[in-house]
């Protein structure tokens, strides 16, 4: 039941950069999958690539709360040939 409540709570929170990955920026979450565990981190990116990972919150980072950020992970469910 608790897992379902968590899924329901986060189901509406999907991140879409909508082209902003080309501009660059930074995202912060209390749950980033880095070095094999979930931990607080800021993920900086520019031109579609990760440029840095900081283990603290950067002042310019968009706060994603407790959403799980998984830098470098590819969504295998995307259909490339569509």
Protein backbone atom coordinates (compact mmCIF):
# COMPACT_ATOMS: atom_id res chain seq x y z
CA UNK A 1 0.00 0.00 0.00
CA UNK A 2 2.82 2.44 0.88
CA UNK A 3 4.55 1.73 -2.47
CA UNK A 4 1.32 2.47 -4.32
CA UNK A 5 0.90 5.78 -2.47
CA UNK A 6 4.47 6.75 -3.41
CA UNK A 7 3.87 5.81 -7.05
CA UNK A 8 0.62 7.78 -7.13
CA UNK A 9 2.34 10.80 -5.58
CA UNK A 10 5.20 10.80 -8.12
CA UNK A 11 3.29 9.67 -11.20
CA UNK A 12 2.40 13.24 -12.16
CA UNK A 13 5.99 14.47 -11.77
CA UNK A 14 7.85 13.80 -14.98
CA UNK A 15 10.66 16.04 -16.12
CA UNK A 16 10.63 17.23 -19.68
CA UNK A 17 13.50 19.51 -20.64
CA UNK A 18 11.73 20.38 -23.93
CA UNK A 19 14.90 21.48 -25.69
CA UNK A 20 16.42 23.19 -22.65
CA UNK A 21 19.16 20.54 -22.50
CA UNK A 22 20.82 22.45 -25.37
CA UNK A 23 20.90 25.63 -23.27
CA UNK A 24 22.32 23.95 -20.21
CA UNK A 25 21.40 24.18 -16.59
CA UNK A 26 21.42 22.25 -13.35
CA UNK A 27 18.99 20.01 -11.47
CA UNK A 28 19.10 19.15 -7.77
CA UNK A 29 17.42 16.24 -6.03
CA UNK A 30 17.73 14.62 -2.65
CA UNK A 31 17.72 11.27 -4.52
CA UNK A 32 20.26 11.10 -7.36
CA UNK A 33 21.54 7.68 -8.41
CA UNK A 34 25.29 8.32 -8.35
CA UNK A 35 28.11 5.93 -7.48
CA UNK A 36 25.70 3.05 -6.93
CA UNK A 37 23.40 4.69 -4.38
CA UNK A 38 20.73 7.35 -3.98
CA UNK A 39 22.15 10.55 -2.53
CA UNK A 40 21.63 14.32 -2.68
CA UNK A 41 23.35 15.90 -5.69
CA UNK A 42 23.26 18.63 -8.32
CA UNK A 43 23.58 17.47 -11.93
CA UNK A 44 24.87 20.17 -14.30
CA UNK A 45 24.42 19.78 -18.06
CA UNK A 46 25.13 21.65 -21.27
CA UNK A 47 24.52 20.84 -24.92
CA UNK A 48 22.83 17.58 -23.96
CA UNK A 49 25.76 16.30 -21.88
CA UNK A 50 26.44 16.05 -18.16
CA UNK A 51 29.17 18.52 -17.31
CA UNK A 52 29.47 18.04 -13.55
CA UNK A 53 27.99 16.38 -10.50
CA UNK A 54 28.15 18.15 -7.14
CA UNK A 55 27.20 16.49 -3.86
CA UNK A 56 25.53 19.63 -2.56
CA UNK A 57 22.80 21.97 -3.82
CA UNK A 58 23.97 24.65 -6.24
CA UNK A 59 22.24 28.00 -5.94
CA UNK A 60 21.29 28.02 -9.65
CA UNK A 61 19.91 24.46 -9.72
CA UNK A 62 16.23 23.74 -10.23
CA UNK A 63 15.04 21.84 -7.14
CA UNK A 64 13.40 18.55 -8.15
CA UNK A 65 12.61 17.63 -4.53
CA UNK A 66 12.80 13.90 -3.93
CA UNK A 67 12.33 12.87 -7.57
CA UNK A 68 14.90 10.26 -8.55
CA UNK A 69 17.50 11.61 -11.01
CA UNK A 70 19.57 8.99 -12.79
CA UNK A 71 22.28 10.80 -14.78
CA UNK A 72 23.52 8.89 -17.78
CA UNK A 73 20.76 6.27 -17.71
CA UNK A 74 19.10 5.67 -21.06
CA UNK A 75 15.36 4.98 -21.23
CA UNK A 76 15.30 1.57 -22.90
CA UNK A 77 11.54 1.91 -23.48
CA UNK A 78 12.00 4.64 -26.08
CA UNK A 79 11.42 3.36 -29.60
CA UNK A 80 14.29 4.81 -31.61
CA UNK A 81 12.96 3.76 -35.02
CA UNK A 82 9.51 5.33 -34.67
